[in-house]
């Protein structure tokens, strides 16, 4: 009889390997929850390892994390999974700085180290506001927050004031993903916007029981296909995880239509570059598309997902509300039949939006094209302070 090894065998060995490193070898640690985290670290890691000569540790819960295939003598990688080994890693962590994109530290299973005074750094994985989409207390237990723009600094400062919290180190950082996408943006080519002779439309909404795809997905795709567009649906990973029947129903309905595609690779951004127009609801990817491609977004004004029922106590208007009419058009969920006409009228006059989108982008994001440098410098500053404390 074949004996199956415990599923956490590899993860345990990786944790043991990490724990054998001395403190200097694991001074700077990045933690990745899934494959989508790396793009938010990439610019900083490049600056730290290639430009500044620092060694880092990269601990991931994703077996297919792209960094596991990168050969770099200054990056030590470790796979720890999502189970008990991950919980143990966080509880027993000994490092000077830990950088992560996962919120809710101390709220659920992920805790601050019980053995060492680690400095915890949070990096946003979306441009949207901090007090609506995220749960109450999502950032309360971090030491430093790398803020995308003024809106994050204002919101977190207001939260600290309202709830009488300790002040955090709020860093005017920026947004590494936009920097990367702008740097890699292909030369504009009108032919990229078509497939099979049809203009390409990307449907990329947020997720939730009352979300656009969950409630109007079939209807929306049919309207666009019937109007002569090539349609790509890019569901949020949480929609795929929580409502697989909805995804299956959409796939089955349009499986024989060569002008329909379902994209589930969230680490690829090719569809953003090549789409004629993007339709969303409240997803942060809409802002990323507008800022990178300098093209407007069509927002279907459906149910807004609020994960913090107390958000109204923070006297800051959420960015995802204030920005929509500046970088695109908002249409009612009851206007879906008119959507093809609105698509044409909007994207035939994108010059009207382009200058405004550029202005809004500059006002919204710190350190455009320089976030990696800023983030790396800040981490090094934190590291130096930690080393001083170690000596005292």
Protein backbone atom coordinates (compact mmCIF):
# COMPACT_ATOMS: atom_id res chain seq x y z
CA UNK A 1 0.00 0.00 0.00
CA UNK A 2 1.40 3.37 -1.05
CA UNK A 3 1.75 5.85 1.81
CA UNK A 4 0.93 9.42 0.87
CA UNK A 5 3.21 12.02 2.36
CA UNK A 6 1.57 14.88 4.29
CA UNK A 7 0.50 17.69 1.99
CA UNK A 8 2.45 20.18 4.09
CA UNK A 9 5.75 18.28 3.83
CA UNK A 10 7.29 20.63 1.29
CA UNK A 11 5.99 23.70 3.10
CA UNK A 12 7.49 22.55 6.40
CA UNK A 13 10.88 21.92 4.80
CA UNK A 14 10.81 25.38 3.24
CA UNK A 15 9.98 26.96 6.60
CA UNK A 16 12.82 25.06 8.27
CA UNK A 17 15.18 26.26 5.54
CA UNK A 18 14.05 29.85 6.11
CA UNK A 19 14.48 29.57 9.87
CA UNK A 20 18.09 28.40 9.48
CA UNK A 21 19.06 31.75 7.98
CA UNK A 22 20.67 34.24 10.31
CA UNK A 23 18.95 37.56 10.98
CA UNK A 24 21.06 39.51 8.48
CA UNK A 25 20.15 37.02 5.74
CA UNK A 26 16.44 37.50 6.42
CA UNK A 27 16.41 41.18 7.35
CA UNK A 28 14.06 42.08 4.48
CA UNK A 29 11.20 39.65 3.79
CA UNK A 30 8.43 39.95 1.22
CA UNK A 31 5.31 37.83 1.69
CA UNK A 32 3.11 36.98 -1.29
CA UNK A 33 -0.41 35.66 -0.74
CA UNK A 34 -1.04 34.73 -4.39
CA UNK A 35 0.33 35.09 -7.93
CA UNK A 36 -1.00 38.64 -8.25
CA UNK A 37 1.17 40.01 -5.43
CA UNK A 38 4.50 39.92 -7.28
CA UNK A 39 3.62 42.73 -9.70
CA UNK A 40 3.21 45.08 -6.74
CA UNK A 41 6.63 44.18 -5.33
CA UNK A 42 8.57 43.87 -8.58
CA UNK A 43 9.79 47.46 -8.95
CA UNK A 44 10.94 47.67 -5.32
CA UNK A 45 12.67 44.28 -5.42
CA UNK A 46 14.53 45.29 -8.58
CA UNK A 47 15.82 48.46 -6.91
CA UNK A 48 16.81 46.67 -3.71
CA UNK A 49 18.60 43.74 -5.34
CA UNK A 50 19.92 45.06 -8.66
CA UNK A 51 20.59 48.72 -7.90
CA UNK A 52 21.32 48.72 -4.16
CA UNK A 53 22.81 45.24 -3.73
CA UNK A 54 20.56 44.02 -0.90
CA UNK A 55 19.58 40.41 -0.36
CA UNK A 56 15.91 39.71 0.24
CA UNK A 57 13.77 36.72 1.16
CA UNK A 58 10.55 36.13 -0.75
CA UNK A 59 8.04 33.88 1.01
CA UNK A 60 5.01 32.87 -1.03
CA UNK A 61 1.79 30.91 -0.59
CA UNK A 62 1.40 30.40 -4.35
CA UNK A 63 3.00 27.38 -6.01
CA UNK A 64 2.87 29.15 -9.37
CA UNK A 65 4.30 32.44 -8.10
CA UNK A 66 6.37 33.86 -11.00
CA UNK A 67 9.29 34.69 -8.71
CA UNK A 68 9.94 30.98 -8.09
CA UNK A 69 11.28 30.74 -11.65
CA UNK A 70 13.57 33.78 -11.40
CA UNK A 71 17.27 33.10 -10.99
CA UNK A 72 18.75 35.81 -8.79
CA UNK A 73 21.44 35.14 -6.20
CA UNK A 74 20.16 38.05 -4.11
CA UNK A 75 16.64 36.59 -3.82
CA UNK A 76 15.98 33.56 -1.62
CA UNK A 77 12.52 32.09 -2.27
CA UNK A 78 10.36 29.91 -0.02
CA UNK A 79 6.96 28.27 -0.62
CA UNK A 80 4.85 27.86 2.55
CA UNK A 81 1.29 27.31 1.26
CA UNK A 82 -1.89 28.66 2.83
CA UNK A 83 -2.36 26.36 5.82
CA UNK A 84 -0.87 25.74 9.24
CA UNK A 85 2.73 26.30 8.08
CA UNK A 86 1.86 29.84 7.00
CA UNK A 87 0.26 30.52 10.39
CA UNK A 88 3.39 29.23 12.09
CA UNK A 89 5.62 31.33 9.83
CA UNK A 90 3.88 34.55 10.88
CA UNK A 91 3.64 33.69 14.57
CA UNK A 92 7.34 32.79 14.86
CA UNK A 93 8.81 35.23 12.34
CA UNK A 94 12.20 36.70 13.07
CA UNK A 95 13.06 39.41 10.54
CA UNK A 96 13.61 43.14 10.62
CA UNK A 97 11.13 44.16 7.91
CA UNK A 98 8.18 42.28 6.41
CA UNK A 99 6.48 43.68 3.30
CA UNK A 100 3.05 42.44 2.19
CA UNK A 101 -0.04 43.33 0.15
CA UNK A 102 -2.44 41.34 2.33
CA UNK A 103 -4.48 43.49 4.76
CA UNK A 104 -6.17 42.46 8.03
CA UNK A 105 -2.99 41.76 9.97
CA UNK A 106 -3.91 40.51 13.46
CA UNK A 107 -7.59 40.22 12.47
CA UNK A 108 -7.82 36.58 11.40
CA UNK A 109 -5.15 33.86 11.13
CA UNK A 110 -2.26 36.12 10.17
CA UNK A 111 -0.65 37.59 13.28
CA UNK A 112 2.31 39.76 14.12
CA UNK A 113 5.35 37.85 15.34
CA UNK A 114 5.21 36.79 18.96
CA UNK A 115 9.00 36.42 19.11
CA UNK A 116 10.54 39.48 17.44
CA UNK A 117 9.68 43.18 16.90
CA UNK A 118 9.27 42.97 13.12
CA UNK A 119 8.43 46.20 11.26
CA UNK A 120 5.37 45.47 9.10
CA UNK A 121 4.95 47.34 5.81
CA UNK A 122 1.70 47.32 3.81
CA UNK A 123 1.66 47.99 0.06
CA UNK A 124 -1.72 48.61 -1.59
CA UNK A 125 -2.71 46.23 -4.40
CA UNK A 126 -5.36 48.64 -5.67
CA UNK A 127 -5.71 52.40 -6.16
CA UNK A 128 -9.16 52.51 -4.54
CA UNK A 129 -9.87 54.05 -1.15
CA UNK A 130 -8.90 52.36 2.11
CA UNK A 131 -12.15 52.75 4.08
CA UNK A 132 -14.87 51.20 1.89
CA UNK A 133 -13.58 48.14 0.04
CA UNK A 134 -11.40 47.03 2.95
CA UNK A 135 -12.74 45.84 6.29
CA UNK A 136 -12.69 48.05 9.36
CA UNK A 137 -9.29 47.77 11.03
CA UNK A 138 -7.62 46.31 7.92
CA UNK A 139 -4.49 48.45 8.38
CA UNK A 140 -4.49 49.16 12.12
CA UNK A 141 -1.66 46.76 12.99
CA UNK A 142 0.88 47.75 10.36
CA UNK A 143 3.80 50.01 11.20
CA UNK A 144 4.19 51.61 7.76
CA UNK A 145 1.70 52.08 4.95
CA UNK A 146 2.99 52.73 1.44
CA UNK A 147 0.25 55.03 0.13
CA UNK A 148 -0.73 55.32 -3.53
CA UNK A 149 -1.78 58.96 -3.28
CA UNK A 150 -3.02 61.76 -1.07
CA UNK A 151 -6.37 60.00 -0.67
CA UNK A 152 -4.79 57.14 1.29
CA UNK A 153 -2.87 59.47 3.58
CA UNK A 154 -6.00 61.52 4.27
CA UNK A 155 -8.20 58.45 4.86
CA UNK A 156 -5.78 56.61 7.15
CA UNK A 157 -4.95 59.79 9.10
CA UNK A 158 -8.67 60.44 9.55
CA UNK A 159 -9.20 56.82 10.68
CA UNK A 160 -6.45 57.18 13.27
CA UNK A 161 -8.09 60.36 14.55
CA UNK A 162 -11.65 58.98 14.65
CA UNK A 163 -10.65 55.79 16.49
CA UNK A 164 -7.78 57.26 18.53
CA UNK A 165 -5.22 54.89 16.99
CA UNK A 166 -1.44 55.06 17.11
CA UNK A 167 0.01 57.00 14.20
CA UNK A 168 1.60 54.93 11.47
CA UNK A 169 4.43 55.84 9.14
CA UNK A 170 2.46 56.96 6.06
CA UNK A 171 4.77 56.94 3.06
CA UNK A 172 4.07 58.94 -0.12
CA UNK A 173 4.93 55.95 -2.28
CA UNK A 174 2.92 55.56 -5.49
CA UNK A 175 1.72 52.52 -7.41
CA UNK A 176 4.23 50.06 -8.85
CA UNK A 177 1.77 48.29 -11.11
CA UNK A 178 0.91 51.43 -13.08
CA UNK A 179 4.62 52.21 -13.38
CA UNK A 180 5.30 48.74 -14.78
CA UNK A 181 2.36 48.77 -17.18
CA UNK A 182 3.27 52.21 -18.51
CA UNK A 183 6.88 51.15 -18.99
CA UNK A 184 5.86 48.01 -20.90
CA UNK A 185 3.04 49.59 -22.88
CA UNK A 186 3.34 48.66 -26.57
CA UNK A 187 3.42 51.23 -29.32
CA UNK A 188 -0.10 52.34 -30.16
CA UNK A 189 -1.54 50.33 -33.02
CA UNK A 190 -5.19 50.63 -33.98
CA UNK A 191 -5.18 47.04 -35.25
CA UNK A 192 -4.56 45.86 -31.70
CA UNK A 193 -8.08 46.99 -30.81
CA UNK A 194 -9.79 44.53 -33.16
CA UNK A 195 -10.13 40.76 -33.53
CA UNK A 196 -11.98 38.91 -36.28
CA UNK A 197 -12.73 42.34 -37.73
CA UNK A 198 -14.57 43.37 -34.55
CA UNK A 199 -13.70 45.97 -31.94
CA UNK A 200 -12.57 44.34 -28.70
CA UNK A 201 -14.46 45.06 -25.49
CA UNK A 202 -13.16 43.92 -22.12
CA UNK A 203 -15.64 43.31 -19.29
CA UNK A 204 -13.70 43.45 -16.01
CA UNK A 205 -15.92 44.05 -12.98
CA UNK A 206 -15.46 43.69 -9.25
CA UNK A 207 -16.98 40.76 -7.37
CA UNK A 208 -19.82 40.16 -4.97
CA UNK A 209 -23.24 38.56 -4.71
CA UNK A 210 -24.81 41.66 -6.27
CA UNK A 211 -21.90 42.38 -8.63
CA UNK A 212 -22.24 43.16 -12.34
CA UNK A 213 -21.05 39.79 -13.61
CA UNK A 214 -22.97 37.86 -10.96
CA UNK A 215 -26.29 39.58 -11.75
CA UNK A 216 -26.09 40.82 -15.35
CA UNK A 217 -23.25 38.83 -16.91
CA UNK A 218 -25.22 36.81 -19.44
CA UNK A 219 -27.35 39.77 -20.52
CA UNK A 220 -24.38 42.12 -20.85
CA UNK A 221 -22.28 39.74 -22.96
CA UNK A 222 -25.20 38.95 -25.28
CA UNK A 223 -25.92 42.64 -25.89
CA UNK A 224 -22.31 43.33 -26.81
CA UNK A 225 -21.93 40.26 -29.05
CA UNK A 226 -25.20 41.03 -30.84
CA UNK A 227 -23.95 44.57 -31.45
CA UNK A 228 -20.92 43.23 -33.31
CA UNK A 229 -18.15 43.42 -30.72
CA UNK A 230 -15.54 40.86 -29.74
CA UNK A 231 -16.05 40.36 -25.99
CA UNK A 232 -13.53 39.21 -23.39
CA UNK A 233 -14.77 38.65 -19.85
CA UNK A 234 -12.12 38.94 -17.16
CA UNK A 235 -13.80 37.84 -13.92
CA UNK A 236 -12.37 38.80 -10.56
CA UNK A 237 -10.54 35.82 -8.98
CA UNK A 238 -13.06 35.87 -6.11
CA UNK A 239 -15.94 35.49 -8.58
CA UNK A 240 -14.24 32.38 -9.98
CA UNK A 241 -13.75 31.04 -6.47
CA UNK A 242 -17.14 31.86 -4.94
CA UNK A 243 -19.52 31.67 -7.92
CA UNK A 244 -18.13 29.04 -10.30
CA UNK A 245 -21.65 28.16 -11.51
CA UNK A 246 -22.06 31.69 -12.89
CA UNK A 247 -18.74 31.47 -14.72
CA UNK A 248 -19.68 28.06 -16.10
CA UNK A 249 -23.08 29.34 -17.26
CA UNK A 250 -21.50 32.24 -19.16
CA UNK A 251 -18.89 29.95 -20.73
CA UNK A 252 -21.50 27.41 -21.79
CA UNK A 253 -23.84 30.03 -23.23
CA UNK A 254 -21.21 31.50 -25.55
CA UNK A 255 -18.78 28.60 -26.01
CA UNK A 256 -19.53 28.29 -29.73
CA UNK A 257 -19.10 32.00 -30.45
CA UNK A 258 -15.61 32.74 -31.77
CA UNK A 259 -16.02 36.36 -30.70
CA UNK A 260 -16.25 35.48 -27.02
CA UNK A 261 -13.36 34.77 -24.64
CA UNK A 262 -13.11 34.13 -20.90
CA UNK A 263 -9.83 35.29 -19.38
CA UNK A 264 -8.84 33.92 -15.98
CA UNK A 265 -5.11 34.74 -15.96
CA UNK A 266 -5.08 37.79 -13.68
CA UNK A 267 -1.31 38.09 -13.91
CA UNK A 268 -1.54 38.98 -17.61
CA UNK A 269 -2.34 42.53 -18.70
CA UNK A 270 -2.25 42.04 -22.46
CA UNK A 271 -6.03 42.38 -22.67
CA UNK A 272 -5.81 45.85 -21.07
CA UNK A 273 -3.37 47.09 -23.68
CA UNK A 274 -5.34 45.75 -26.62
CA UNK A 275 -8.96 46.48 -25.76
CA UNK A 276 -10.95 49.14 -27.60
CA UNK A 277 -13.02 49.81 -24.51
CA UNK A 278 -13.41 48.60 -20.93
CA UNK A 279 -16.67 48.05 -19.05
CA UNK A 280 -16.57 47.75 -15.27
CA UNK A 281 -18.49 48.65 -12.15
CA UNK A 282 -16.38 49.33 -9.06
CA UNK A 283 -13.21 47.40 -9.84
CA UNK A 284 -9.80 48.99 -9.31
CA UNK A 285 -8.69 47.60 -12.67
CA UNK A 286 -10.83 50.29 -14.32
CA UNK A 287 -8.65 53.04 -12.85
CA UNK A 288 -5.50 51.15 -13.84
CA UNK A 289 -6.79 50.85 -17.42
CA UNK A 290 -7.61 54.55 -17.68
CA UNK A 291 -4.28 55.65 -16.21
CA UNK A 292 -2.13 53.29 -18.30
CA UNK A 293 -3.95 53.33 -21.63
CA UNK A 294 -5.25 56.91 -21.30
CA UNK A 295 -8.65 55.74 -22.50
CA UNK A 296 -11.99 56.23 -20.73
CA UNK A 297 -13.92 53.60 -18.79
CA UNK A 298 -17.62 52.81 -19.02
CA UNK A 299 -18.95 52.24 -15.50
CA UNK A 300 -22.20 50.32 -15.06
CA UNK A 301 -23.62 51.85 -11.90
CA UNK A 302 -24.62 48.71 -10.07
CA UNK A 303 -24.43 47.72 -6.42
CA UNK A 304 -21.39 49.13 -4.64
CA UNK A 305 -19.60 46.58 -2.51
CA UNK A 306 -18.97 47.97 0.97
CA UNK A 307 -16.92 45.82 3.34
CA UNK A 308 -16.76 48.46 6.07
CA UNK A 309 -20.24 49.42 7.22
CA UNK A 310 -18.71 52.21 9.34
CA UNK A 311 -16.93 53.90 6.44
CA UNK A 312 -19.20 56.96 6.69
CA UNK A 313 -17.47 57.87 9.98
CA UNK A 314 -14.36 58.73 7.97
CA UNK A 315 -14.92 62.22 6.47
CA UNK A 316 -13.35 61.40 3.09
CA UNK A 317 -15.25 60.77 -0.14
CA UNK A 318 -14.10 57.40 -1.57
CA UNK A 319 -11.89 57.78 -4.62
CA UNK A 320 -13.80 55.11 -6.54
CA UNK A 321 -16.87 57.35 -6.35
CA UNK A 322 -15.27 60.74 -7.02
CA UNK A 323 -13.08 59.60 -9.92
CA UNK A 324 -15.60 57.81 -12.16
CA UNK A 325 -17.00 60.82 -14.00
CA UNK A 326 -13.50 62.22 -14.44
CA UNK A 327 -12.03 59.20 -16.24
CA UNK A 328 -15.12 57.82 -17.96
CA UNK A 329 -18.89 57.67 -18.13
CA UNK A 330 -21.35 56.19 -15.66
CA UNK A 331 -24.47 54.48 -16.96
CA UNK A 332 -27.41 52.98 -15.12
CA UNK A 333 -27.73 49.22 -14.90
CA UNK A 334 -31.10 49.76 -16.57
CA UNK A 335 -29.41 51.24 -19.67
CA UNK A 336 -27.63 48.09 -20.83
CA UNK A 337 -29.59 47.96 -24.09
CA UNK A 338 -28.17 51.38 -24.97
CA UNK A 339 -24.61 50.34 -24.14
CA UNK A 340 -23.40 49.81 -27.75
CA UNK A 341 -24.36 53.39 -28.69
CA UNK A 342 -22.68 54.72 -25.56
CA UNK A 343 -19.52 52.72 -26.38
CA UNK A 344 -19.29 54.30 -29.83
CA UNK A 345 -19.99 57.86 -28.69
CA UNK A 346 -17.43 57.54 -25.89
CA UNK A 347 -14.51 55.98 -27.73
CA UNK A 348 -14.90 58.00 -30.91
CA UNK A 349 -14.05 61.08 -28.84
CA UNK A 350 -11.30 59.84 -26.52
CA UNK A 351 -9.24 63.02 -27.00
CA UNK A 352 -11.87 64.67 -24.82
CA UNK A 353 -10.84 62.31 -22.00
CA UNK A 354 -7.10 61.86 -22.63
CA UNK A 355 -5.84 65.18 -21.24
CA UNK A 356 -8.16 64.97 -18.26
CA UNK A 357 -7.09 61.40 -17.47
CA UNK A 358 -3.43 62.49 -17.55
CA UNK A 359 -4.21 65.33 -15.13
CA UNK A 360 -6.19 63.09 -12.77
CA UNK A 361 -3.42 60.47 -12.86
CA UNK A 362 -0.81 63.05 -11.81
CA UNK A 363 -3.06 64.28 -9.00
CA UNK A 364 -3.90 60.77 -7.77
CA UNK A 365 -0.60 58.83 -7.78
CA UNK A 366 2.62 59.75 -6.03
CA UNK A 367 6.02 59.37 -7.75
CA UNK A 368 4.85 58.28 -11.20
CA UNK A 369 7.47 56.00 -12.79
CA UNK A 370 9.60 56.33 -9.62
CA UNK A 371 7.69 54.29 -7.02
CA UNK A 372 10.25 51.47 -6.99
CA UNK A 373 13.05 53.88 -6.07
CA UNK A 374 10.95 55.54 -3.37
CA UNK A 375 9.79 52.22 -1.90
CA UNK A 376 13.29 50.72 -1.82
CA UNK A 377 14.76 53.83 -0.18
CA UNK A 378 12.07 53.78 2.49
CA UNK A 379 12.62 50.09 3.26
CA UNK A 380 16.36 50.69 3.59
CA UNK A 381 15.67 53.61 5.96
CA UNK A 382 13.43 51.37 8.09
CA UNK A 383 16.08 48.65 8.05
CA UNK A 384 18.78 51.05 9.25
CA UNK A 385 16.61 52.21 12.14
CA UNK A 386 15.89 48.60 13.12
CA UNK A 387 19.61 47.79 13.12
CA UNK A 388 20.28 50.77 15.39
CA UNK A 389 17.67 49.48 17.83
CA UNK A 390 19.25 46.01 17.71
CA UNK A 391 22.54 47.49 18.91
CA UNK A 392 20.95 49.34 21.85
